[in-house]
Protein backbone atom coordinates (compact mmCIF):
# COMPACT_ATOMS: atom_id res chain seq x y z
CA MET A 1 26.31 -65.51 -47.92
CA LYS A 2 22.56 -65.26 -48.87
CA GLU A 3 21.58 -62.92 -51.64
CA PHE A 4 18.59 -60.67 -52.04
CA HIS A 5 17.88 -59.38 -55.54
CA ILE A 6 15.38 -56.60 -56.01
CA ILE A 7 14.19 -56.52 -59.66
CA SER A 8 12.29 -53.89 -61.44
CA THR A 9 9.97 -55.73 -63.78
CA GLY A 10 8.90 -54.44 -67.24
CA ILE A 11 7.03 -55.89 -70.05
CA SER A 12 9.95 -56.90 -72.42
CA LEU A 13 8.65 -60.64 -72.08
CA LEU A 14 5.33 -59.87 -73.36
CA THR A 15 6.52 -57.52 -76.20
CA ASN A 16 8.89 -60.18 -77.22
CA ALA A 17 6.04 -62.82 -77.24
CA GLN A 18 4.14 -60.39 -79.46
CA LYS A 19 6.94 -60.17 -81.94
CA GLN A 20 7.11 -63.81 -82.12
CA GLY A 21 3.46 -64.36 -82.72
CA PHE A 22 2.48 -65.87 -79.35
CA PHE A 23 0.08 -62.94 -78.52
CA PRO A 24 -1.80 -60.42 -80.73
CA ASP A 25 -0.22 -57.00 -81.53
CA LYS A 26 -2.42 -55.15 -79.00
CA LYS A 27 -1.33 -51.91 -77.37
CA ILE A 28 0.11 -52.22 -73.96
CA SER A 29 -2.30 -49.56 -72.82
CA ASP A 30 -5.20 -51.84 -73.80
CA GLU A 31 -6.10 -52.66 -70.11
CA ASP A 32 -9.20 -54.56 -70.77
CA TYR A 33 -7.49 -56.90 -73.18
CA TRP A 34 -4.54 -57.72 -70.95
CA GLN A 35 -6.92 -58.11 -68.05
CA SER A 36 -8.87 -60.75 -69.95
CA LEU A 37 -5.62 -62.82 -70.39
CA LEU A 38 -4.71 -62.16 -66.87
CA ASN A 39 -7.85 -63.96 -65.72
CA SER A 40 -7.00 -67.00 -67.86
CA SER A 41 -4.54 -69.45 -66.34
CA SER A 42 -3.91 -70.99 -69.67
CA GLU A 43 -2.67 -67.55 -71.08
CA ILE A 44 -0.40 -67.12 -68.09
CA GLN A 45 0.95 -70.60 -68.59
CA LYS A 46 1.55 -69.84 -72.25
CA LEU A 47 3.60 -66.77 -71.39
CA ALA A 48 5.41 -68.76 -68.73
CA ASP A 49 6.28 -71.46 -71.38
CA PHE A 50 7.56 -68.85 -73.68
CA LEU A 51 9.87 -67.50 -70.99
CA LYS A 52 11.11 -70.96 -70.18
CA SER A 53 11.94 -71.79 -73.78
CA ALA A 54 14.73 -69.01 -73.78
CA PRO A 55 14.68 -67.10 -70.60
CA MET A 56 17.79 -64.88 -71.24
CA LYS A 57 16.57 -64.14 -74.79
CA ASN A 58 12.86 -63.53 -74.06
CA SER A 59 13.25 -61.33 -70.92
CA ALA A 60 15.38 -58.43 -70.35
CA GLU A 61 15.25 -58.91 -66.54
CA MET A 62 16.16 -62.55 -66.66
CA ASN A 63 18.93 -61.77 -69.17
CA THR A 64 20.64 -59.87 -66.49
CA PHE A 65 19.62 -61.71 -63.30
CA LEU A 66 20.65 -65.16 -64.65
CA ARG A 67 23.95 -63.96 -65.76
CA VAL A 68 24.83 -62.58 -62.35
CA VAL A 69 23.65 -65.77 -60.38
CA GLN A 70 24.55 -68.44 -62.95
CA ASP A 71 27.30 -69.98 -60.72
CA LYS A 72 25.39 -69.77 -57.45
CA PRO A 73 22.97 -72.23 -55.78
CA ALA A 74 19.33 -71.13 -56.28
CA SER A 75 18.70 -71.98 -52.64
CA SER A 76 20.91 -69.18 -51.41
CA ILE A 77 19.07 -66.44 -53.51
CA ASP A 78 15.75 -64.62 -52.63
CA VAL A 79 14.08 -62.55 -55.25
CA TYR A 80 11.76 -59.54 -54.83
CA LEU A 81 9.78 -58.52 -57.95
CA PHE A 82 7.95 -55.36 -58.37
CA GLY A 83 6.25 -53.64 -61.22
CA THR A 84 3.41 -51.33 -62.35
CA LYS A 85 -0.19 -51.61 -61.38
CA THR A 86 -1.25 -52.71 -64.94
CA ALA A 87 -2.59 -56.04 -66.29
CA SER A 88 0.20 -56.24 -68.90
CA ASN A 89 2.97 -55.92 -66.18
CA GLU A 90 1.23 -58.34 -63.98
CA LEU A 91 1.10 -60.92 -66.64
CA CYS A 92 4.92 -60.69 -67.02
CA ARG A 93 5.52 -60.85 -63.23
CA ARG A 94 3.35 -63.91 -62.91
CA ALA A 95 5.18 -65.63 -65.65
CA ILE A 96 8.60 -64.72 -64.28
CA GLU A 97 7.58 -65.62 -60.70
CA GLN A 98 6.61 -69.03 -61.93
CA PHE A 99 9.72 -69.49 -63.76
CA LEU A 100 11.89 -68.46 -60.86
CA LYS A 101 10.05 -70.74 -58.49
CA ASP A 102 10.55 -73.71 -60.92
CA CYS A 103 14.30 -72.97 -60.91
CA GLY A 104 14.38 -73.05 -57.01
CA PHE A 105 14.56 -69.47 -56.12
CA SER A 106 12.59 -68.08 -53.22
CA ILE A 107 10.02 -65.30 -54.25
CA TYR A 108 8.92 -62.46 -51.99
CA THR A 109 5.43 -61.05 -52.58
CA PRO A 110 5.55 -58.83 -55.74
CA TYR A 111 4.75 -55.21 -55.24
CA GLU A 112 2.76 -52.99 -57.47
CA VAL A 113 3.25 -49.23 -58.09
CA SER A 114 1.27 -46.87 -60.11
CA GLY A 115 1.67 -47.32 -63.86
CA TYR A 116 -0.66 -44.55 -64.97
CA PHE A 117 -2.75 -46.61 -67.52
CA TRP A 118 -4.72 -48.31 -64.82
CA GLU A 119 -5.55 -45.01 -62.96
CA ALA A 120 -6.15 -43.11 -66.24
CA LYS A 121 -8.78 -45.65 -67.09
CA TYR A 122 -10.92 -44.81 -64.03
CA TYR A 123 -9.79 -41.36 -62.96
CA GLU A 124 -9.08 -37.77 -64.39
CA PRO A 125 -5.55 -37.56 -66.10
CA SER A 126 -4.42 -35.02 -63.50
CA TYR A 127 -5.24 -37.36 -60.66
CA ALA A 128 -3.61 -40.24 -62.52
CA ILE A 129 -0.40 -38.28 -62.80
CA ASP A 130 -0.38 -37.32 -59.11
CA LYS A 131 -0.95 -41.01 -58.17
CA PHE A 132 1.98 -41.98 -60.44
CA LYS A 133 4.30 -39.41 -58.85
CA LEU A 134 3.27 -40.40 -55.38
CA GLY A 135 3.86 -44.07 -56.35
CA VAL A 136 7.40 -43.43 -57.33
CA SER A 137 8.09 -41.69 -54.09
CA GLU A 138 6.54 -44.52 -52.02
CA LEU A 139 8.53 -47.05 -54.17
CA LEU A 140 11.86 -45.37 -53.24
CA ASP A 141 10.97 -45.36 -49.50
CA ARG A 142 9.95 -49.00 -49.70
CA LEU A 143 13.09 -50.22 -51.56
CA ILE A 144 15.37 -48.40 -49.10
CA TYR A 145 13.51 -49.88 -46.20
CA LEU A 146 13.63 -53.34 -47.62
CA ALA A 147 17.24 -53.18 -48.54
CA LYS A 148 18.37 -52.05 -45.03
CA LYS A 149 16.19 -54.67 -43.39
CA LYS A 150 17.92 -57.45 -45.54
CA GLN A 151 21.32 -56.07 -44.95
CA LYS A 152 20.76 -56.25 -41.15
CA LYS A 153 19.84 -59.82 -41.47
CA GLY A 154 23.26 -60.55 -43.25
CA TYR A 155 22.05 -60.57 -46.83
CA LYS A 156 24.12 -59.23 -49.72
CA VAL A 157 21.57 -57.05 -51.60
CA PHE A 158 21.48 -56.53 -55.32
CA PHE A 159 19.25 -54.06 -57.37
CA ASN A 160 18.36 -54.94 -60.96
CA PRO A 161 16.85 -51.78 -62.69
CA THR A 162 16.82 -53.22 -66.07
CA GLY A 163 13.01 -53.35 -66.65
CA GLY A 164 10.05 -50.99 -66.07
CA LEU A 165 9.07 -47.34 -66.69
CA LYS A 166 12.01 -44.95 -66.68
CA ALA A 167 10.81 -43.34 -63.37
CA HIS A 168 10.83 -46.68 -61.60
CA VAL A 169 14.14 -47.52 -63.06
CA ILE A 170 15.61 -44.38 -61.72
CA ALA A 171 13.87 -45.01 -58.36
CA THR A 172 15.42 -48.56 -58.24
CA ALA A 173 18.92 -47.37 -59.09
CA LEU A 174 18.69 -44.48 -56.56
CA ALA A 175 17.55 -46.84 -53.68
CA GLY A 176 20.66 -49.10 -54.48
CA ILE A 177 23.02 -46.03 -54.38
CA ILE A 178 21.67 -44.71 -51.22
CA THR A 179 21.84 -48.02 -49.46
CA GLU A 180 25.32 -48.80 -50.98
CA CYS A 181 24.14 -52.13 -52.54
CA GLU A 182 25.23 -53.81 -55.77
CA ILE A 183 23.40 -52.41 -58.91
CA TYR A 184 23.63 -54.13 -62.26
CA TYR A 185 21.98 -53.84 -65.62
CA MET A 186 22.58 -54.99 -69.17
CA ASN A 187 24.74 -52.86 -71.49
CA GLU A 188 23.14 -53.47 -74.96
CA GLU A 189 26.15 -52.33 -76.86
CA PHE A 190 28.67 -54.55 -74.88
CA HIS A 191 26.12 -57.46 -74.52
CA GLU A 192 27.20 -57.99 -70.97
CA VAL A 193 26.15 -57.17 -67.36
CA VAL A 194 27.52 -53.96 -66.02
CA PHE A 195 27.75 -53.25 -62.25
CA LEU A 196 27.52 -49.49 -61.38
CA PRO A 197 30.40 -47.99 -59.28
CA LYS A 198 29.74 -46.62 -55.95
CA LEU A 199 28.23 -43.12 -56.56
CA PHE A 200 26.95 -41.96 -53.20
CA TYR A 201 28.51 -41.67 -49.82
CA ILE A 202 28.22 -39.23 -46.81
CA PRO A 203 31.65 -38.54 -45.32
CA LYS A 204 31.75 -38.50 -41.45
CA GLY A 205 34.24 -38.10 -38.59
CA ARG A 206 37.82 -38.12 -39.68
CA GLU A 207 36.80 -38.30 -43.23
CA LEU A 208 35.38 -34.85 -42.96
CA GLU A 209 38.49 -33.83 -41.19
CA LEU A 210 40.69 -34.96 -44.11
CA LEU A 211 38.50 -33.27 -46.67
CA LYS A 212 38.64 -30.04 -44.96
CA LYS A 213 42.45 -30.25 -44.84
CA LEU A 214 42.54 -31.04 -48.59
CA SER A 215 40.00 -28.23 -49.43
CA TYR A 216 42.59 -25.53 -48.60
CA LYS A 217 44.95 -26.75 -51.15
CA LYS A 218 44.69 -27.55 -54.87
CA LEU A 219 47.29 -30.42 -54.73
CA VAL A 220 49.14 -32.20 -51.96
CA THR A 221 52.38 -33.81 -53.10
CA GLY A 222 55.42 -35.67 -51.84
CA LYS A 223 56.09 -35.80 -48.06
CA GLU A 224 52.80 -34.19 -47.26
CA VAL A 225 51.00 -37.28 -48.98
CA ASP A 226 53.25 -39.65 -46.94
CA GLU A 227 52.11 -37.84 -43.73
CA LEU A 228 48.43 -37.94 -44.68
CA GLU A 229 48.64 -41.61 -45.69
CA LYS A 230 50.27 -42.31 -42.30
CA ASN A 231 47.40 -40.77 -40.41
CA TYR A 232 44.43 -41.26 -42.69
CA MET A 233 45.14 -44.43 -44.70
CA GLU A 234 41.65 -45.85 -44.31
CA GLU A 235 39.82 -42.59 -44.82
CA ILE A 236 41.81 -41.85 -48.08
CA ASP A 237 40.87 -45.36 -49.42
CA ARG A 238 37.30 -44.88 -48.74
CA LEU A 239 36.97 -41.38 -50.08
CA GLU A 240 38.83 -42.33 -53.23
CA ILE A 241 36.43 -45.15 -53.82
CA TYR A 242 33.39 -42.69 -53.68
CA GLY A 243 35.25 -40.14 -55.90
CA LEU A 244 35.52 -37.52 -53.21
CA ILE A 245 39.44 -37.38 -53.49
CA ALA A 246 41.83 -38.55 -56.08
CA ARG A 247 45.33 -39.88 -56.22
CA MET A 248 48.01 -40.01 -58.88
CA PRO A 249 48.79 -43.61 -60.12
CA GLU A 250 51.69 -45.28 -58.46
CA GLU A 251 54.04 -44.91 -61.36
CA PHE A 252 53.98 -41.16 -60.98
CA GLU A 253 54.94 -38.71 -58.32
CA LYS A 254 52.92 -39.01 -55.27
CA ALA A 255 49.99 -36.54 -55.39
CA LEU A 256 46.55 -36.18 -53.65
CA TRP A 257 43.70 -33.82 -54.12
CA ILE A 258 40.06 -33.19 -53.34
CA THR A 259 37.70 -33.68 -56.31
CA SER A 260 35.00 -31.19 -57.32
CA LYS A 261 32.42 -33.55 -55.94
CA GLY A 262 34.45 -33.60 -52.54
CA PHE A 263 34.87 -29.84 -52.51
CA LEU A 264 31.05 -29.53 -53.20
CA PHE A 265 30.20 -31.58 -50.22
CA ILE A 266 32.52 -29.49 -48.02
CA THR A 267 31.01 -26.29 -49.42
CA GLU A 268 27.39 -27.42 -48.64
CA GLN A 269 28.50 -28.22 -45.02
CA LYS A 270 29.45 -24.65 -44.41
């Protein structure tokens, strides 16, 4: 199955390059300086070479992405990069894009969202803030649309919210939750990639019917559980995955109950 990885791109590549002396210790908000580098193909190449020298060490985004795809053929993976509309972020995206193409991955046209710094340079702060908020909203819509489109074409879609501004990271993860895609990021304490559990689901049909049955009792045990499993086995399995109901482990007495999350959903339906 082909995979489609949506990656929120930050500036860890650039800040790591600064720490190692490849670029001056300039503020990330210095748009004029980073724009001057963006206009130089040699500077972009220097950053791309820095990434290539140790991709998992020098880029947070590549540290997660490369771990997830390391045993898969690059020809089966498409990548969609997006980041803020700032010169520093575009520098990172161009370097990452070049690196991924050299590795054999297919790259979709990068997308830019408001990063505040660029707008604040030319407009009033209040307008820049409004543009930033609008950009986050539009980003969420765009990512949901893109994920659904790729799912219909048979792709397995992944979201990588490792890099970028916190608001963009949140929007990326939320898009993945809503579209029921795989979401992964790097846990710094464990030094390994973590896949988020399924967090969002809208029950329907017989699932709603089962939740309503369970909402009238704090706990269902014994033969009542047997009867429910006989009639609602698929629904029970699915609702348990999304944390709307819970079951006792097999080594204990059979018991089934609706969780607070499931009960809240039923309450909101009334």
